[in-house]
């Protein structure tokens, strides 16, 4: 056994020496995924709902769920049907915030090129970057003026351009705003005379993207509307049946509850699939 142990130790030593010749490759780390709370926070900021936190949306969903559950159950005495309508009501606050954020993103998509043009004009006129950004609170598009007015106040009070840019990016929560802020940050740190050209290129790109998206969304709007109508139709019929409690007794059984559960799952999957196929992908915030 002793010669065997010596041989194993000698072999392990040789293997360690051989292994030390190969440098360790840097481990690849997967970028962190955006959490559910961060997505809600971005939607609230994009919707322009100041003073609302993600917990407020979740609290509103919980209150709507409980109220509708109690109301429908007191009227129908059928718990599975009550849970279905309570789930729809609980999702309504989040859906309203997401719809408002989507509408406002569409509006901002049309005004961002004007804001970038105004910023490029200020830079070309010799204004410093903080002053060029602050003047957007007066000369910029109406939808973006509050955010840049707050930036101007932050910069006057703190004088830290980098921190004010971070707060502006968090306040806008917009992919275009992220690209603009990071371009200004790099221009501030390393300097350069091509900032005006970069801003003009960004403006022309945003105009072309907005024009193309508007045409495609107009053509594909019927797909989204058809998905919403097809998903809402069964539950509208179920709601109309609720006025006749005798017709809902079948759903009080385990088999009826299973039918409702399967129908709800199929509705959600089919709606999400049709919306994913028909809707254009939104820009993601990769420069948070």
C-alpha atoms as a PDB file:
ATOM      1  CA  UNK A   1       0.000   0.000   0.000  1.00  0.00           C
ATOM      2  CA  UNK A   2       2.893   2.338   0.735  1.00  0.00           C
ATOM      3  CA  UNK A   3       4.293   2.340  -2.843  1.00  0.00           C
ATOM      4  CA  UNK A   4       0.713   2.870  -4.133  1.00  0.00           C
ATOM      5  CA  UNK A   5       0.217   5.909  -1.878  1.00  0.00           C
ATOM      6  CA  UNK A   6       3.551   7.362  -2.942  1.00  0.00           C
ATOM      7  CA  UNK A   7       2.616   6.840  -6.588  1.00  0.00           C
ATOM      8  CA  UNK A   8      -0.760   8.575  -6.129  1.00  0.00           C
ATOM      9  CA  UNK A   9       0.850  11.556  -4.404  1.00  0.00           C
ATOM     10  CA  UNK A  10       3.482  11.791  -7.138  1.00  0.00           C
ATOM     11  CA  UNK A  11       0.807  11.664  -9.841  1.00  0.00           C
ATOM     12  CA  UNK A  12      -1.287  14.338  -8.107  1.00  0.00           C
ATOM     13  CA  UNK A  13       1.790  16.555  -7.849  1.00  0.00           C
ATOM     14  CA  UNK A  14       2.515  16.179 -11.554  1.00  0.00           C
ATOM     15  CA  UNK A  15      -1.140  16.951 -12.384  1.00  0.00           C
ATOM     16  CA  UNK A  16      -1.077  20.113 -10.242  1.00  0.00           C
ATOM     17  CA  UNK A  17       2.109  21.284 -11.976  1.00  0.00           C
ATOM     18  CA  UNK A  18       0.567  20.592 -15.386  1.00  0.00           C
ATOM     19  CA  UNK A  19      -2.676  22.397 -14.412  1.00  0.00           C
ATOM     20  CA  UNK A  20      -0.755  25.469 -13.239  1.00  0.00           C
ATOM     21  CA  UNK A  21       0.543  26.041 -16.761  1.00  0.00           C
ATOM     22  CA  UNK A  22      -2.949  26.917 -18.036  1.00  0.00           C
ATOM     23  CA  UNK A  23      -4.229  30.298 -16.883  1.00  0.00           C
ATOM     24  CA  UNK A  24      -7.729  30.305 -15.473  1.00  0.00           C
ATOM     25  CA  UNK A  25     -10.202  31.795 -17.910  1.00  0.00           C
ATOM     26  CA  UNK A  26     -12.380  34.565 -16.493  1.00  0.00           C
ATOM     27  CA  UNK A  27     -15.718  33.232 -15.398  1.00  0.00           C
ATOM     28  CA  UNK A  28     -18.642  34.403 -17.467  1.00  0.00           C
ATOM     29  CA  UNK A  29     -21.372  35.942 -15.377  1.00  0.00           C
ATOM     30  CA  UNK A  30     -24.840  36.249 -16.709  1.00  0.00           C
ATOM     31  CA  UNK A  31     -26.118  39.802 -16.565  1.00  0.00           C
ATOM     32  CA  UNK A  32     -28.630  40.354 -13.825  1.00  0.00           C
ATOM     33  CA  UNK A  33     -32.235  40.147 -14.884  1.00  0.00           C
ATOM     34  CA  UNK A  34     -34.583  42.985 -14.183  1.00  0.00           C
ATOM     35  CA  UNK A  35     -36.703  42.199 -11.153  1.00  0.00           C
ATOM     36  CA  UNK A  36     -40.492  42.410 -11.062  1.00  0.00           C
ATOM     37  CA  UNK A  37     -40.313  45.452  -8.775  1.00  0.00           C
ATOM     38  CA  UNK A  38     -37.934  47.240 -11.164  1.00  0.00           C
ATOM     39  CA  UNK A  39     -40.269  46.587 -14.098  1.00  0.00           C
ATOM     40  CA  UNK A  40     -43.204  48.065 -12.179  1.00  0.00           C
ATOM     41  CA  UNK A  41     -41.060  51.041 -11.151  1.00  0.00           C
ATOM     42  CA  UNK A  42     -40.076  51.659 -14.781  1.00  0.00           C
ATOM     43  CA  UNK A  43     -43.706  51.448 -15.910  1.00  0.00           C
ATOM     44  CA  UNK A  44     -44.769  53.923 -13.224  1.00  0.00           C
ATOM     45  CA  UNK A  45     -42.039  56.348 -14.285  1.00  0.00           C
ATOM     46  CA  UNK A  46     -42.870  55.908 -17.977  1.00  0.00           C
ATOM     47  CA  UNK A  47     -46.549  56.490 -17.215  1.00  0.00           C
ATOM     48  CA  UNK A  48     -45.700  59.819 -15.564  1.00  0.00           C
ATOM     49  CA  UNK A  49     -47.329  58.830 -12.258  1.00  0.00           C
ATOM     50  CA  UNK A  50     -45.197  60.692  -9.732  1.00  0.00           C
ATOM     51  CA  UNK A  51     -45.476  59.851  -6.061  1.00  0.00           C
ATOM     52  CA  UNK A  52     -46.568  56.251  -6.672  1.00  0.00           C
ATOM     53  CA  UNK A  53     -44.362  53.375  -5.561  1.00  0.00           C
ATOM     54  CA  UNK A  54     -44.553  49.741  -6.723  1.00  0.00           C
ATOM     55  CA  UNK A  55     -46.038  48.755  -3.377  1.00  0.00           C
ATOM     56  CA  UNK A  56     -48.949  51.109  -4.035  1.00  0.00           C
ATOM     57  CA  UNK A  57     -49.777  49.264  -7.264  1.00  0.00           C
ATOM     58  CA  UNK A  58     -49.539  45.906  -5.495  1.00  0.00           C
ATOM     59  CA  UNK A  59     -51.679  47.215  -2.635  1.00  0.00           C
ATOM     60  CA  UNK A  60     -54.307  48.458  -5.094  1.00  0.00           C
ATOM     61  CA  UNK A  61     -54.309  45.040  -6.780  1.00  0.00           C
ATOM     62  CA  UNK A  62     -54.800  43.300  -3.452  1.00  0.00           C
ATOM     63  CA  UNK A  63     -57.641  45.612  -2.425  1.00  0.00           C
ATOM     64  CA  UNK A  64     -59.391  45.189  -5.802  1.00  0.00           C
ATOM     65  CA  UNK A  65     -59.003  41.408  -5.546  1.00  0.00           C
ATOM     66  CA  UNK A  66     -60.551  41.248  -2.060  1.00  0.00           C
ATOM     67  CA  UNK A  67     -63.407  43.653  -2.818  1.00  0.00           C
ATOM     68  CA  UNK A  68     -64.445  41.948  -6.054  1.00  0.00           C
ATOM     69  CA  UNK A  69     -64.105  38.510  -4.477  1.00  0.00           C
ATOM     70  CA  UNK A  70     -66.387  39.497  -1.611  1.00  0.00           C
ATOM     71  CA  UNK A  71     -68.888  41.277  -3.888  1.00  0.00           C
ATOM     72  CA  UNK A  72     -69.191  38.558  -6.515  1.00  0.00           C
ATOM     73  CA  UNK A  73     -69.308  35.764  -3.948  1.00  0.00           C
ATOM     74  CA  UNK A  74     -72.078  37.509  -2.022  1.00  0.00           C
ATOM     75  CA  UNK A  75     -74.078  37.795  -5.263  1.00  0.00           C
ATOM     76  CA  UNK A  76     -73.416  34.371  -6.821  1.00  0.00           C
ATOM     77  CA  UNK A  77     -72.386  32.110  -3.907  1.00  0.00           C
ATOM     78  CA  UNK A  78     -69.993  30.360  -6.326  1.00  0.00           C
ATOM     79  CA  UNK A  79     -66.380  30.567  -5.216  1.00  0.00           C
ATOM     80  CA  UNK A  80     -64.644  29.538  -8.503  1.00  0.00           C
ATOM     81  CA  UNK A  81     -66.500  32.216 -10.475  1.00  0.00           C
ATOM     82  CA  UNK A  82     -65.729  34.764  -7.770  1.00  0.00           C
ATOM     83  CA  UNK A  83     -62.031  33.897  -7.914  1.00  0.00           C
ATOM     84  CA  UNK A  84     -61.981  34.360 -11.692  1.00  0.00           C
ATOM     85  CA  UNK A  85     -63.454  37.853 -11.575  1.00  0.00           C
ATOM     86  CA  UNK A  86     -61.342  38.732  -8.529  1.00  0.00           C
ATOM     87  CA  UNK A  87     -58.213  37.728 -10.456  1.00  0.00           C
ATOM     88  CA  UNK A  88     -59.232  39.978 -13.352  1.00  0.00           C
ATOM     89  CA  UNK A  89     -59.862  42.858 -10.938  1.00  0.00           C
ATOM     90  CA  UNK A  90     -56.551  42.234  -9.154  1.00  0.00           C
ATOM     91  CA  UNK A  91     -54.653  42.484 -12.426  1.00  0.00           C
ATOM     92  CA  UNK A  92     -56.494  45.646 -13.509  1.00  0.00           C
ATOM     93  CA  UNK A  93     -54.271  48.217 -11.651  1.00  0.00           C
ATOM     94  CA  UNK A  94     -51.094  46.750 -13.141  1.00  0.00           C
ATOM     95  CA  UNK A  95     -52.719  46.595 -16.584  1.00  0.00           C
ATOM     96  CA  UNK A  96     -53.804  50.242 -16.346  1.00  0.00           C
ATOM     97  CA  UNK A  97     -50.287  51.363 -15.398  1.00  0.00           C
ATOM     98  CA  UNK A  98     -48.785  49.311 -18.233  1.00  0.00           C
ATOM     99  CA  UNK A  99     -51.307  50.701 -20.737  1.00  0.00           C
ATOM    100  CA  UNK A 100     -50.612  54.266 -19.619  1.00  0.00           C
ATOM    101  CA  UNK A 101     -46.860  53.658 -19.854  1.00  0.00           C
ATOM    102  CA  UNK A 102     -47.232  52.199 -23.352  1.00  0.00           C
ATOM    103  CA  UNK A 103     -49.294  55.182 -24.531  1.00  0.00           C
ATOM    104  CA  UNK A 104     -46.818  57.655 -23.071  1.00  0.00           C
ATOM    105  CA  UNK A 105     -43.863  55.820 -24.635  1.00  0.00           C
ATOM    106  CA  UNK A 106     -45.595  56.208 -27.981  1.00  0.00           C
ATOM    107  CA  UNK A 107     -46.040  59.936 -27.365  1.00  0.00           C
ATOM    108  CA  UNK A 108     -42.431  60.371 -26.247  1.00  0.00           C
ATOM    109  CA  UNK A 109     -41.206  58.467 -29.296  1.00  0.00           C
ATOM    110  CA  UNK A 110     -42.553  61.301 -31.431  1.00  0.00           C
ATOM    111  CA  UNK A 111     -41.078  64.141 -29.345  1.00  0.00           C
ATOM    112  CA  UNK A 112     -37.618  62.776 -28.541  1.00  0.00           C
ATOM    113  CA  UNK A 113     -36.171  63.850 -31.938  1.00  0.00           C
ATOM    114  CA  UNK A 114     -37.220  67.464 -31.254  1.00  0.00           C
ATOM    115  CA  UNK A 115     -35.597  67.324 -27.820  1.00  0.00           C
ATOM    116  CA  UNK A 116     -32.357  65.971 -29.283  1.00  0.00           C
ATOM    117  CA  UNK A 117     -32.425  68.677 -31.982  1.00  0.00           C
ATOM    118  CA  UNK A 118     -32.832  71.389 -29.330  1.00  0.00           C
ATOM    119  CA  UNK A 119     -29.966  69.920 -27.357  1.00  0.00           C
ATOM    120  CA  UNK A 120     -27.770  69.786 -30.463  1.00  0.00           C
ATOM    121  CA  UNK A 121     -28.634  73.438 -31.205  1.00  0.00           C
ATOM    122  CA  UNK A 122     -27.615  74.438 -27.693  1.00  0.00           C
ATOM    123  CA  UNK A 123     -24.315  72.580 -27.968  1.00  0.00           C
ATOM    124  CA  UNK A 124     -23.654  74.115 -31.375  1.00  0.00           C
ATOM    125  CA  UNK A 125     -24.371  77.562 -29.917  1.00  0.00           C
ATOM    126  CA  UNK A 126     -21.613  77.095 -27.358  1.00  0.00           C
ATOM    127  CA  UNK A 127     -23.649  76.224 -24.265  1.00  0.00           C
ATOM    128  CA  UNK A 128     -22.199  73.900 -21.672  1.00  0.00           C
ATOM    129  CA  UNK A 129     -23.847  70.512 -21.401  1.00  0.00           C
ATOM    130  CA  UNK A 130     -25.659  71.271 -18.095  1.00  0.00           C
ATOM    131  CA  UNK A 131     -26.991  74.533 -19.539  1.00  0.00           C
ATOM    132  CA  UNK A 132     -28.037  72.836 -22.793  1.00  0.00           C
ATOM    133  CA  UNK A 133     -29.956  70.221 -20.821  1.00  0.00           C
ATOM    134  CA  UNK A 134     -31.503  72.801 -18.495  1.00  0.00           C
ATOM    135  CA  UNK A 135     -32.806  74.883 -21.399  1.00  0.00           C
ATOM    136  CA  UNK A 136     -34.910  71.906 -22.498  1.00  0.00           C
ATOM    137  CA  UNK A 137     -37.134  72.734 -19.522  1.00  0.00           C
ATOM    138  CA  UNK A 138     -38.132  75.894 -21.437  1.00  0.00           C
ATOM    139  CA  UNK A 139     -37.582  75.111 -25.115  1.00  0.00           C
ATOM    140  CA  UNK A 140     -38.069  71.347 -25.125  1.00  0.00           C
ATOM    141  CA  UNK A 141     -41.255  69.381 -25.822  1.00  0.00           C
ATOM    142  CA  UNK A 142     -44.042  69.788 -23.293  1.00  0.00           C
ATOM    143  CA  UNK A 143     -43.991  66.114 -22.277  1.00  0.00           C
ATOM    144  CA  UNK A 144     -40.297  66.236 -21.302  1.00  0.00           C
ATOM    145  CA  UNK A 145     -40.110  69.657 -19.673  1.00  0.00           C
ATOM    146  CA  UNK A 146     -40.879  68.540 -16.075  1.00  0.00           C
ATOM    147  CA  UNK A 147     -38.033  66.005 -16.058  1.00  0.00           C
ATOM    148  CA  UNK A 148     -35.477  68.511 -17.365  1.00  0.00           C
ATOM    149  CA  UNK A 149     -36.794  71.242 -15.052  1.00  0.00           C
ATOM    150  CA  UNK A 150     -36.109  68.914 -12.121  1.00  0.00           C
ATOM    151  CA  UNK A 151     -32.640  68.252 -13.559  1.00  0.00           C
ATOM    152  CA  UNK A 152     -31.957  71.984 -13.674  1.00  0.00           C
ATOM    153  CA  UNK A 153     -33.007  72.372 -10.041  1.00  0.00           C
ATOM    154  CA  UNK A 154     -30.852  69.412  -8.988  1.00  0.00           C
ATOM    155  CA  UNK A 155     -27.826  70.797 -10.793  1.00  0.00           C
ATOM    156  CA  UNK A 156     -28.248  74.259  -9.297  1.00  0.00           C
ATOM    157  CA  UNK A 157     -28.488  72.788  -5.800  1.00  0.00           C
ATOM    158  CA  UNK A 158     -25.772  70.114  -6.005  1.00  0.00           C
ATOM    159  CA  UNK A 159     -23.493  71.064  -8.901  1.00  0.00           C
ATOM    160  CA  UNK A 160     -22.709  67.373  -9.546  1.00  0.00           C
ATOM    161  CA  UNK A 161     -23.378  66.691 -13.216  1.00  0.00           C
ATOM    162  CA  UNK A 162     -22.920  62.920 -12.954  1.00  0.00           C
ATOM    163  CA  UNK A 163     -25.336  62.474 -10.061  1.00  0.00           C
ATOM    164  CA  UNK A 164     -27.894  64.723 -11.744  1.00  0.00           C
ATOM    165  CA  UNK A 165     -27.616  62.628 -14.918  1.00  0.00           C
ATOM    166  CA  UNK A 166     -28.236  59.470 -12.899  1.00  0.00           C
ATOM    167  CA  UNK A 167     -31.349  60.959 -11.336  1.00  0.00           C
ATOM    168  CA  UNK A 168     -32.529  62.200 -14.738  1.00  0.00           C
ATOM    169  CA  UNK A 169     -32.103  58.734 -16.235  1.00  0.00           C
ATOM    170  CA  UNK A 170     -34.005  57.186 -13.328  1.00  0.00           C
ATOM    171  CA  UNK A 171     -36.749  59.798 -13.676  1.00  0.00           C
ATOM    172  CA  UNK A 172     -37.182  59.274 -17.406  1.00  0.00           C
ATOM    173  CA  UNK A 173     -36.890  55.452 -17.327  1.00  0.00           C
ATOM    174  CA  UNK A 174     -36.784  55.501 -21.118  1.00  0.00           C
ATOM    175  CA  UNK A 175     -34.397  53.641 -23.472  1.00  0.00           C
ATOM    176  CA  UNK A 176     -33.879  56.762 -25.598  1.00  0.00           C
ATOM    177  CA  UNK A 177     -33.214  58.798 -22.472  1.00  0.00           C
ATOM    178  CA  UNK A 178     -30.664  56.204 -21.355  1.00  0.00           C
ATOM    179  CA  UNK A 179     -28.770  56.449 -24.647  1.00  0.00           C
ATOM    180  CA  UNK A 180     -28.858  60.239 -24.569  1.00  0.00           C
ATOM    181  CA  UNK A 181     -27.677  60.438 -20.961  1.00  0.00           C
ATOM    182  CA  UNK A 182     -24.795  58.021 -21.497  1.00  0.00           C
ATOM    183  CA  UNK A 183     -23.708  59.897 -24.649  1.00  0.00           C
ATOM    184  CA  UNK A 184     -23.620  63.141 -22.676  1.00  0.00           C
ATOM    185  CA  UNK A 185     -21.770  61.447 -19.831  1.00  0.00           C
ATOM    186  CA  UNK A 186     -19.047  60.199 -22.175  1.00  0.00           C
ATOM    187  CA  UNK A 187     -18.820  63.608 -23.868  1.00  0.00           C
ATOM    188  CA  UNK A 188     -18.461  65.268 -20.468  1.00  0.00           C
ATOM    189  CA  UNK A 189     -15.763  62.878 -19.277  1.00  0.00           C
ATOM    190  CA  UNK A 190     -13.577  62.469 -22.369  1.00  0.00           C
ATOM    191  CA  UNK A 191     -14.561  65.538 -24.379  1.00  0.00           C
ATOM    192  CA  UNK A 192     -14.673  65.596 -28.133  1.00  0.00           C
ATOM    193  CA  UNK A 193     -15.982  67.733 -30.975  1.00  0.00           C
ATOM    194  CA  UNK A 194     -18.323  65.124 -32.482  1.00  0.00           C
ATOM    195  CA  UNK A 195     -21.130  65.464 -29.942  1.00  0.00           C
ATOM    196  CA  UNK A 196     -23.203  67.639 -32.276  1.00  0.00           C
ATOM    197  CA  UNK A 197     -22.824  65.114 -35.088  1.00  0.00           C
ATOM    198  CA  UNK A 198     -23.732  62.260 -32.749  1.00  0.00           C
ATOM    199  CA  UNK A 199     -26.856  64.080 -31.586  1.00  0.00           C
ATOM    200  CA  UNK A 200     -27.955  64.856 -35.143  1.00  0.00           C
ATOM    201  CA  UNK A 201     -27.431  61.206 -36.133  1.00  0.00           C
ATOM    202  CA  UNK A 202     -29.429  60.084 -33.109  1.00  0.00           C
ATOM    203  CA  UNK A 203     -32.233  62.500 -34.010  1.00  0.00           C
ATOM    204  CA  UNK A 204     -32.494  61.238 -37.584  1.00  0.00           C
ATOM    205  CA  UNK A 205     -32.431  57.631 -36.387  1.00  0.00           C
ATOM    206  CA  UNK A 206     -35.221  58.305 -33.873  1.00  0.00           C
ATOM    207  CA  UNK A 207     -37.372  59.941 -36.553  1.00  0.00           C
ATOM    208  CA  UNK A 208     -36.966  57.019 -38.926  1.00  0.00           C
ATOM    209  CA  UNK A 209     -37.683  54.538 -36.137  1.00  0.00           C
ATOM    210  CA  UNK A 210     -40.822  56.421 -35.040  1.00  0.00           C
ATOM    211  CA  UNK A 211     -42.100  56.628 -38.632  1.00  0.00           C
ATOM    212  CA  UNK A 212     -41.527  52.909 -39.257  1.00  0.00           C
ATOM    213  CA  UNK A 213     -43.096  51.879 -35.957  1.00  0.00           C
ATOM    214  CA  UNK A 214     -46.166  54.041 -36.581  1.00  0.00           C
ATOM    215  CA  UNK A 215     -46.767  52.358 -39.938  1.00  0.00           C
ATOM    216  CA  UNK A 216     -46.290  48.845 -38.581  1.00  0.00           C
ATOM    217  CA  UNK A 217     -48.431  49.461 -35.497  1.00  0.00           C
ATOM    218  CA  UNK A 218     -51.232  50.791 -37.693  1.00  0.00           C
ATOM    219  CA  UNK A 219     -51.167  47.639 -39.815  1.00  0.00           C
ATOM    220  CA  UNK A 220     -50.900  45.254 -36.873  1.00  0.00           C
ATOM    221  CA  UNK A 221     -53.376  47.021 -34.600  1.00  0.00           C
ATOM    222  CA  UNK A 222     -56.180  44.703 -35.689  1.00  0.00           C
ATOM    223  CA  UNK A 223     -54.240  41.708 -34.346  1.00  0.00           C
ATOM    224  CA  UNK A 224     -54.010  43.223 -30.877  1.00  0.00           C
ATOM    225  CA  UNK A 225     -57.674  44.223 -30.888  1.00  0.00           C
ATOM    226  CA  UNK A 226     -58.701  40.758 -32.043  1.00  0.00           C
ATOM    227  CA  UNK A 227     -56.657  39.200 -29.217  1.00  0.00           C
ATOM    228  CA  UNK A 228     -58.323  41.416 -26.644  1.00  0.00           C
ATOM    229  CA  UNK A 229     -61.808  40.734 -27.981  1.00  0.00           C
ATOM    230  CA  UNK A 230     -61.258  36.969 -28.187  1.00  0.00           C
ATOM    231  CA  UNK A 231     -59.864  36.886 -24.633  1.00  0.00           C
ATOM    232  CA  UNK A 232     -62.606  39.036 -23.112  1.00  0.00           C
ATOM    233  CA  UNK A 233     -65.571  37.387 -24.863  1.00  0.00           C
ATOM    234  CA  UNK A 234     -65.820  34.208 -22.683  1.00  0.00           C
ATOM    235  CA  UNK A 235     -65.588  36.211 -19.463  1.00  0.00           C
ATOM    236  CA  UNK A 236     -68.160  38.736 -20.669  1.00  0.00           C
ATOM    237  CA  UNK A 237     -70.518  35.819 -21.290  1.00  0.00           C
ATOM    238  CA  UNK A 238     -69.727  34.438 -17.829  1.00  0.00           C
ATOM    239  CA  UNK A 239     -70.446  37.842 -16.330  1.00  0.00           C
ATOM    240  CA  UNK A 240     -73.798  37.981 -18.090  1.00  0.00           C
ATOM    241  CA  UNK A 241     -74.579  34.510 -16.747  1.00  0.00           C
ATOM    242  CA  UNK A 242     -73.945  35.814 -13.235  1.00  0.00           C
ATOM    243  CA  UNK A 243     -77.267  37.656 -13.382  1.00  0.00           C
ATOM    244  CA  UNK A 244     -78.893  34.205 -13.384  1.00  0.00           C
ATOM    245  CA  UNK A 245     -77.462  32.405 -10.327  1.00  0.00           C
ATOM    246  CA  UNK A 246     -79.078  29.088 -11.283  1.00  0.00           C
ATOM    247  CA  UNK A 247     -76.911  28.892 -14.404  1.00  0.00           C
ATOM    248  CA  UNK A 248     -73.719  29.054 -12.304  1.00  0.00           C
ATOM    249  CA  UNK A 249     -74.431  26.076 -10.076  1.00  0.00           C
ATOM    250  CA  UNK A 250     -72.497  23.799 -12.419  1.00  0.00           C
ATOM    251  CA  UNK A 251     -69.298  25.753 -11.681  1.00  0.00           C
ATOM    252  CA  UNK A 252     -69.633  25.141  -7.946  1.00  0.00           C
ATOM    253  CA  UNK A 253     -68.600  21.493  -8.442  1.00  0.00           C
ATOM    254  CA  UNK A 254     -64.959  20.345  -8.686  1.00  0.00           C
ATOM    255  CA  UNK A 255     -65.440  19.615 -12.386  1.00  0.00           C
ATOM    256  CA  UNK A 256     -66.800  23.125 -12.983  1.00  0.00           C
ATOM    257  CA  UNK A 257     -63.907  24.663 -11.063  1.00  0.00           C
ATOM    258  CA  UNK A 258     -61.478  22.643 -13.218  1.00  0.00           C
ATOM    259  CA  UNK A 259     -63.185  23.916 -16.375  1.00  0.00           C
ATOM    260  CA  UNK A 260     -62.822  27.501 -15.193  1.00  0.00           C
ATOM    261  CA  UNK A 261     -59.163  26.954 -14.244  1.00  0.00           C
ATOM    262  CA  UNK A 262     -58.329  25.419 -17.615  1.00  0.00           C
ATOM    263  CA  UNK A 263     -60.252  28.179 -19.414  1.00  0.00           C
ATOM    264  CA  UNK A 264     -58.402  30.886 -17.497  1.00  0.00           C
ATOM    265  CA  UNK A 265     -55.024  29.282 -18.246  1.00  0.00           C
ATOM    266  CA  UNK A 266     -55.844  28.901 -21.940  1.00  0.00           C
ATOM    267  CA  UNK A 267     -57.079  32.502 -22.124  1.00  0.00           C
ATOM    268  CA  UNK A 268     -53.899  33.885 -20.553  1.00  0.00           C
ATOM    269  CA  UNK A 269     -51.572  31.758 -22.691  1.00  0.00           C
ATOM    270  CA  UNK A 270     -53.458  32.470 -25.921  1.00  0.00           C
ATOM    271  CA  UNK A 271     -53.645  36.205 -25.244  1.00  0.00           C
ATOM    272  CA  UNK A 272     -49.966  36.510 -24.358  1.00  0.00           C
ATOM    273  CA  UNK A 273     -48.997  34.454 -27.403  1.00  0.00           C
ATOM    274  CA  UNK A 274     -51.102  36.474 -29.827  1.00  0.00           C
ATOM    275  CA  UNK A 275     -49.913  39.782 -28.347  1.00  0.00           C
ATOM    276  CA  UNK A 276     -46.304  38.621 -28.512  1.00  0.00           C
ATOM    277  CA  UNK A 277     -46.736  37.683 -32.171  1.00  0.00           C
ATOM    278  CA  UNK A 278     -48.654  40.800 -33.179  1.00  0.00           C
ATOM    279  CA  UNK A 279     -46.980  43.542 -31.143  1.00  0.00           C
ATOM    280  CA  UNK A 280     -43.656  45.067 -32.082  1.00  0.00           C
ATOM    281  CA  UNK A 281     -40.907  44.527 -29.525  1.00  0.00           C
ATOM    282  CA  UNK A 282     -40.283  47.520 -27.289  1.00  0.00           C
ATOM    283  CA  UNK A 283     -36.849  48.964 -26.716  1.00  0.00           C
ATOM    284  CA  UNK A 284     -35.237  47.531 -23.603  1.00  0.00           C
ATOM    285  CA  UNK A 285     -33.302  49.550 -21.072  1.00  0.00           C
ATOM    286  CA  UNK A 286     -29.825  48.090 -21.461  1.00  0.00           C
ATOM    287  CA  UNK A 287     -28.043  51.180 -20.065  1.00  0.00           C
ATOM    288  CA  UNK A 288     -29.682  51.388 -16.669  1.00  0.00           C
END
